[in-house]
Protein backbone atom coordinates (compact mmCIF):
# COMPACT_ATOMS: atom_id res chain seq x y z
CA UNK A 1 4.69 16.61 -14.13
CA UNK A 2 2.98 13.28 -14.76
CA UNK A 3 2.72 10.60 -12.07
CA UNK A 4 5.56 8.55 -13.60
CA UNK A 5 7.94 11.52 -13.30
CA UNK A 6 6.78 12.18 -9.75
CA UNK A 7 7.25 8.49 -8.99
CA UNK A 8 10.77 8.62 -10.44
CA UNK A 9 11.51 11.68 -8.35
CA UNK A 10 9.92 10.09 -5.27
CA UNK A 11 12.06 6.97 -5.63
CA UNK A 12 15.31 8.95 -5.79
CA UNK A 13 16.51 7.84 -2.35
CA UNK A 14 15.58 4.21 -3.01
CA UNK A 15 17.31 4.34 -6.38
CA UNK A 16 20.51 5.50 -4.64
CA UNK A 17 20.14 2.66 -2.15
CA UNK A 18 19.44 -0.11 -4.67
CA UNK A 19 19.96 0.63 -8.34
CA UNK A 20 23.08 2.76 -8.16
CA UNK A 21 24.79 0.20 -5.89
CA UNK A 22 23.79 -2.64 -8.23
CA UNK A 23 25.21 -0.71 -11.19
CA UNK A 24 28.49 -0.17 -9.35
CA UNK A 25 28.78 -3.89 -8.53
CA UNK A 26 27.96 -5.03 -12.09
CA UNK A 27 30.56 -2.65 -13.53
CA UNK A 28 33.27 -3.72 -11.09
CA UNK A 29 33.00 -7.44 -11.92
CA UNK A 30 34.53 -8.87 -15.11
CA UNK A 31 32.55 -12.11 -14.93
CA UNK A 32 29.48 -13.63 -13.28
CA UNK A 33 30.50 -15.65 -10.22
CA UNK A 34 29.35 -16.46 -6.67
CA UNK A 35 31.04 -13.39 -5.26
CA UNK A 36 29.01 -11.17 -7.58
CA UNK A 37 25.78 -12.83 -6.44
CA UNK A 38 26.79 -12.40 -2.79
CA UNK A 39 27.33 -8.66 -3.33
CA UNK A 40 23.95 -8.34 -5.06
CA UNK A 41 22.21 -10.28 -2.28
CA UNK A 42 23.69 -7.94 0.33
CA UNK A 43 22.41 -4.87 -1.56
CA UNK A 44 18.90 -6.34 -1.76
CA UNK A 45 18.83 -7.29 1.93
CA UNK A 46 20.03 -3.86 3.07
CA UNK A 47 17.40 -2.19 0.85
CA UNK A 48 14.57 -3.61 2.99
CA UNK A 49 13.59 -6.23 0.43
CA UNK A 50 13.98 -8.74 3.28
CA UNK A 51 16.26 -11.77 3.71
CA UNK A 52 13.87 -14.47 2.40
CA UNK A 53 12.83 -12.48 -0.66
CA UNK A 54 16.40 -11.41 -1.47
CA UNK A 55 17.64 -15.00 -1.28
CA UNK A 56 14.82 -16.20 -3.52
CA UNK A 57 15.57 -13.47 -6.10
CA UNK A 58 19.27 -14.40 -6.18
CA UNK A 59 18.46 -18.13 -6.55
CA UNK A 60 16.18 -17.36 -9.49
CA UNK A 61 18.83 -15.13 -11.07
CA UNK A 62 21.45 -17.89 -10.76
CA UNK A 63 19.10 -20.35 -12.50
CA UNK A 64 18.38 -17.96 -15.37
CA UNK A 65 22.06 -17.09 -15.83
CA UNK A 66 22.85 -20.83 -16.06
CA UNK A 67 19.92 -21.59 -18.42
CA UNK A 68 20.82 -18.73 -20.76
CA UNK A 69 24.59 -19.36 -20.46
CA UNK A 70 25.19 -15.69 -19.62
CA UNK A 71 28.70 -14.46 -18.86
CA UNK A 72 28.40 -10.67 -18.98
CA UNK A 73 27.53 -9.13 -15.55
CA UNK A 74 25.59 -6.29 -17.24
CA UNK A 75 23.00 -8.82 -18.51
CA UNK A 76 21.90 -9.44 -14.90
CA UNK A 77 20.16 -6.05 -14.64
CA UNK A 78 17.50 -6.97 -17.23
CA UNK A 79 16.90 -10.31 -15.48
CA UNK A 80 16.57 -8.58 -12.12
CA UNK A 81 13.97 -6.14 -13.51
CA UNK A 82 11.96 -9.05 -14.94
CA UNK A 83 12.19 -10.90 -11.62
CA UNK A 84 10.91 -7.90 -9.64
CA UNK A 85 8.05 -7.25 -12.09
CA UNK A 86 7.02 -10.91 -11.77
CA UNK A 87 6.96 -10.73 -7.96
CA UNK A 88 4.96 -7.49 -8.00
CA UNK A 89 2.34 -8.53 -10.57
CA UNK A 90 1.22 -11.75 -8.88
CA UNK A 91 -2.09 -10.41 -7.51
CA UNK A 92 -4.70 -7.96 -8.72
CA UNK A 93 -3.75 -4.40 -7.79
CA UNK A 94 -6.95 -2.66 -8.94
CA UNK A 95 -9.33 -1.27 -6.34
CA UNK A 96 -12.54 -3.30 -6.38
CA UNK A 97 -14.94 -0.41 -6.99
CA UNK A 98 -16.43 -1.31 -10.39
CA UNK A 99 -19.78 -2.34 -8.89
CA UNK A 100 -21.86 -0.12 -6.64
CA UNK A 101 -22.30 -0.01 -3.75
CA UNK A 102 -18.76 -0.63 -2.53
CA UNK A 103 -17.42 -0.30 1.00
CA UNK A 104 -13.76 0.46 1.68
CA UNK A 105 -12.65 -0.01 5.28
CA UNK A 106 -9.32 1.67 6.02
CA UNK A 107 -7.12 0.41 8.84
CA UNK A 108 -3.61 1.25 10.10
CA UNK A 109 -1.77 2.57 13.14
CA UNK A 110 -1.81 6.27 14.00
CA UNK A 111 0.78 8.36 12.21
CA UNK A 112 1.05 6.39 8.96
CA UNK A 113 -1.04 8.89 6.99
CA UNK A 114 -4.38 7.07 7.23
CA UNK A 115 -6.67 10.12 7.27
CA UNK A 116 -4.73 11.82 4.47
CA UNK A 117 -4.88 8.61 2.42
CA UNK A 118 -8.65 8.40 2.85
CA UNK A 119 -8.97 11.97 1.54
CA UNK A 120 -6.79 11.17 -1.47
CA UNK A 121 -8.61 7.88 -2.16
CA UNK A 122 -11.93 9.74 -2.08
CA UNK A 123 -10.51 12.22 -4.57
CA UNK A 124 -9.27 9.43 -6.88
CA UNK A 125 -12.68 7.72 -6.85
CA UNK A 126 -14.55 10.99 -7.31
CA UNK A 127 -12.51 11.62 -10.48
CA UNK A 128 -14.05 8.43 -11.88
CA UNK A 129 -17.47 10.16 -11.59
CA UNK A 130 -18.52 8.06 -8.64
CA UNK A 131 -20.39 9.36 -5.59
CA UNK A 132 -18.39 8.99 -2.39
CA UNK A 133 -19.24 9.33 1.29
CA UNK A 134 -16.94 9.06 4.34
CA UNK A 135 -17.63 7.53 7.75
CA UNK A 136 -15.59 8.92 10.66
CA UNK A 137 -15.52 5.65 12.62
CA UNK A 138 -12.19 6.38 14.34
CA UNK A 139 -14.05 7.80 17.33
CA UNK A 140 -11.22 7.03 19.76
CA UNK A 141 -9.21 10.11 18.79
CA UNK A 142 -11.00 13.47 18.63
CA UNK A 143 -8.54 14.88 16.11
CA UNK A 144 -9.27 11.99 13.72
CA UNK A 145 -12.86 13.15 13.22
CA UNK A 146 -11.82 16.78 12.68
CA UNK A 147 -9.03 15.84 10.27
CA UNK A 148 -11.34 13.63 8.22
CA UNK A 149 -13.90 16.43 8.05
CA UNK A 150 -11.23 18.82 6.69
CA UNK A 151 -10.43 16.28 3.95
CA UNK A 152 -14.13 15.68 3.18
CA UNK A 153 -14.59 19.43 2.65
CA UNK A 154 -11.42 19.68 0.58
CA UNK A 155 -12.48 16.83 -1.72
CA UNK A 156 -16.12 17.88 -1.72
CA UNK A 157 -17.76 14.73 -0.32
CA UNK A 158 -20.19 14.15 2.54
CA UNK A 159 -19.05 12.84 5.91
CA UNK A 160 -21.05 10.97 8.53
CA UNK A 161 -19.79 11.48 12.07
CA UNK A 162 -20.74 11.34 15.72
CA UNK A 163 -19.02 12.69 18.82
CA UNK A 164 -15.70 11.43 20.17
CA UNK A 165 -16.07 8.14 22.05
CA UNK A 166 -19.17 7.03 20.10
CA UNK A 167 -19.56 3.41 19.05
CA UNK A 168 -17.73 3.03 15.69
CA UNK A 169 -20.29 0.45 14.52
CA UNK A 170 -23.09 2.99 15.14
CA UNK A 171 -21.26 5.56 12.97
CA UNK A 172 -20.88 2.97 10.20
CA UNK A 173 -24.59 2.06 10.53
CA UNK A 174 -25.56 5.74 10.03
CA UNK A 175 -23.15 6.02 7.10
CA UNK A 176 -24.59 2.92 5.39
CA UNK A 177 -28.13 4.31 5.73
CA UNK A 178 -26.98 7.63 4.28
CA UNK A 179 -25.17 5.81 1.44
CA UNK A 180 -28.34 3.87 0.58
CA UNK A 181 -30.58 6.94 0.78
CA UNK A 182 -28.25 9.07 -1.37
CA UNK A 183 -27.43 6.27 -3.84
CA UNK A 184 -23.71 6.48 -3.06
CA UNK A 185 -21.26 4.36 -5.10
CA UNK A 186 -18.46 4.10 -2.54
CA UNK A 187 -18.50 4.37 1.26
CA UNK A 188 -15.05 4.85 2.85
CA UNK A 189 -14.87 4.01 6.57
CA UNK A 190 -12.04 5.25 8.77
CA UNK A 191 -11.30 3.01 11.78
CA UNK A 192 -9.34 3.35 15.02
CA UNK A 193 -5.58 3.31 14.56
CA UNK A 194 -4.44 1.56 17.69
CA UNK A 195 -2.74 -1.76 17.95
CA UNK A 196 -1.83 -2.17 21.60
CA UNK A 197 -5.15 -3.83 22.36
CA UNK A 198 -5.38 -6.40 19.60
CA UNK A 199 -8.45 -8.07 21.11
CA UNK A 200 -10.41 -4.77 21.29
CA UNK A 201 -9.41 -3.87 17.77
CA UNK A 202 -10.54 -7.28 16.52
CA UNK A 203 -13.91 -6.94 18.26
CA UNK A 204 -14.37 -3.41 16.89
CA UNK A 205 -13.58 -4.43 13.30
CA UNK A 206 -15.87 -7.46 13.62
CA UNK A 207 -18.76 -5.27 14.76
CA UNK A 208 -18.19 -2.81 11.91
CA UNK A 209 -18.01 -5.67 9.41
CA UNK A 210 -21.22 -7.22 10.78
CA UNK A 211 -23.10 -3.95 10.30
CA UNK A 212 -21.92 -3.68 6.66
CA UNK A 213 -22.78 -7.36 5.95
CA UNK A 214 -26.25 -6.96 7.44
CA UNK A 215 -27.15 -3.57 5.98
CA UNK A 216 -25.41 -3.89 2.59
CA UNK A 217 -25.42 -7.60 1.76
CA UNK A 218 -23.54 -8.40 -1.42
CA UNK A 219 -21.71 -5.06 -1.54
CA UNK A 220 -18.18 -5.12 -2.97
CA UNK A 221 -15.68 -4.89 -0.10
CA UNK A 222 -12.13 -3.66 0.29
CA UNK A 223 -10.10 -3.62 3.50
CA UNK A 224 -7.07 -1.42 2.93
CA UNK A 225 -4.13 -1.32 5.33
CA UNK A 226 -2.17 1.94 5.30
CA UNK A 227 1.57 1.53 5.89
CA UNK A 228 4.32 4.12 6.10
CA UNK A 229 7.20 3.18 3.76
CA UNK A 230 9.73 5.06 5.90
CA UNK A 231 9.33 2.47 8.69
CA UNK A 232 10.81 -0.30 6.50
CA UNK A 233 10.64 -3.76 8.08
CA UNK A 234 8.43 -2.40 10.87
CA UNK A 235 5.70 -1.97 8.23
CA UNK A 236 5.88 -5.74 7.60
CA UNK A 237 5.37 -6.46 11.32
CA UNK A 238 2.35 -4.12 11.37
CA UNK A 239 0.91 -5.87 8.32
CA UNK A 240 1.37 -9.28 9.95
CA UNK A 241 -0.39 -8.10 13.13
CA UNK A 242 -3.30 -6.53 11.24
CA UNK A 243 -3.62 -9.67 9.09
CA UNK A 244 -4.48 -11.53 12.30
CA UNK A 245 -7.45 -9.24 13.00
CA UNK A 246 -8.68 -8.35 9.50
CA UNK A 247 -8.96 -9.83 6.04
CA UNK A 248 -6.75 -7.30 4.25
CA UNK A 249 -7.42 -7.02 0.51
CA UNK A 250 -4.77 -4.42 -0.29
CA UNK A 251 -2.01 -2.15 0.99
CA UNK A 252 -1.76 1.63 0.69
CA UNK A 253 1.92 2.51 0.97
CA UNK A 254 2.54 6.15 1.90
CA UNK A 255 5.64 8.38 2.08
CA UNK A 256 7.65 6.47 -0.54
CA UNK A 257 9.29 9.77 -1.49
CA UNK A 258 10.77 10.25 1.98
CA UNK A 259 12.70 7.02 2.20
CA UNK A 260 15.48 4.88 0.80
CA UNK A 261 13.40 1.87 1.88
CA UNK A 262 11.25 1.62 -1.26
CA UNK A 263 12.32 -2.01 -1.51
CA UNK A 264 9.70 -2.66 1.17
CA UNK A 265 7.10 -2.81 -1.67
CA UNK A 266 8.78 -6.00 -2.90
CA UNK A 267 9.06 -7.50 0.59
CA UNK A 268 5.37 -6.85 1.34
CA UNK A 269 4.25 -8.46 -1.88
CA UNK A 270 6.58 -11.44 -1.61
CA UNK A 271 6.24 -12.21 2.11
CA UNK A 272 2.62 -11.32 2.79
CA UNK A 273 1.03 -12.10 -0.59
CA UNK A 274 -1.08 -8.95 -0.19
CA UNK A 275 -1.25 -6.68 -3.25
CA UNK A 276 0.01 -3.12 -2.93
CA UNK A 277 -2.93 -1.23 -4.46
CA UNK A 278 -2.02 2.43 -3.97
CA UNK A 279 1.24 4.28 -3.41
CA UNK A 280 1.93 7.81 -2.22
CA UNK A 281 4.94 9.79 -3.42
CA UNK A 282 4.25 13.26 -2.07
CA UNK A 283 1.97 15.66 -0.22
CA UNK A 284 -0.27 16.74 -3.11
CA UNK A 285 -3.79 15.39 -3.61
CA UNK A 286 -2.78 13.61 -6.83
CA UNK A 287 0.37 12.09 -5.29
CA UNK A 288 -1.52 8.95 -4.28
CA UNK A 289 -2.09 6.72 -7.30
CA UNK A 290 -2.79 3.14 -8.31
CA UNK A 291 0.28 0.94 -7.98
CA UNK A 292 1.60 -0.24 -11.33
CA UNK A 293 4.35 -2.88 -10.95
CA UNK A 294 5.96 -2.32 -14.33
CA UNK A 295 5.96 1.46 -13.87
CA UNK A 296 7.41 1.10 -10.35
CA UNK A 297 10.32 -1.10 -11.52
CA UNK A 298 10.97 1.16 -14.53
CA UNK A 299 11.08 4.23 -12.28
CA UNK A 300 13.40 2.39 -9.90
CA UNK A 301 15.87 1.44 -12.62
CA UNK A 302 15.81 4.57 -14.79
């Protein structure tokens, strides 16, 4: 099964929540009127696309219907697809790993699938014939180091670690030295997944960033925030909080297959202006892939 088919399968619940309801509404109306738009807006809002974004989409649809003098409700579906693709393709969704060395810092609260995502990202990059190394800089949680080591072994990449409670910046320093010595293309750094002490988290990320800037000046940088799609609007709040402490360059959205809240992809892109770079639609190693807006919308509407 190719990734598009897995994506289609993974979006089954979201499709039931959005597309099937939209189809039912379009079929039940004989003409395009305000009541039809109200029904559509309600479907979008309840699908975790968010109030602001849903209202904007409906406004744009109304304009296009007027401009094109459309009267058949079924013509709205094509316009809606175009609208969603436009929202989702605004920013670059490619990982910035073309030039070596590159450092990817991965952030996110515990439980969102951060460690698993790092393993899968390492696998994706390794398939591009690039040399990867991991830094276990989430030293706050003992299990985090062990879990990352399991993934490093599974993918077949080196890992730099210290004991639980070590200074994360010291782990990153060691990892950068190892990356330079071994001519590594991409260094992936795990970081602590706790949010209750925003100030501490900010200080920790600053220190890690300082080490990378000093030891690898001019290296390409990515700061990826891992979010769990099943948490819906809560994922947006997490993203807003992390945006205050880090310069996020992209989102990794996990567990899309386990939720009807796939509309969150659209809300994230529209409200936060942060590109979704990778999406996960299953447990397998290859179930995390680059986000393709057109493919996502096609899979959602098929």
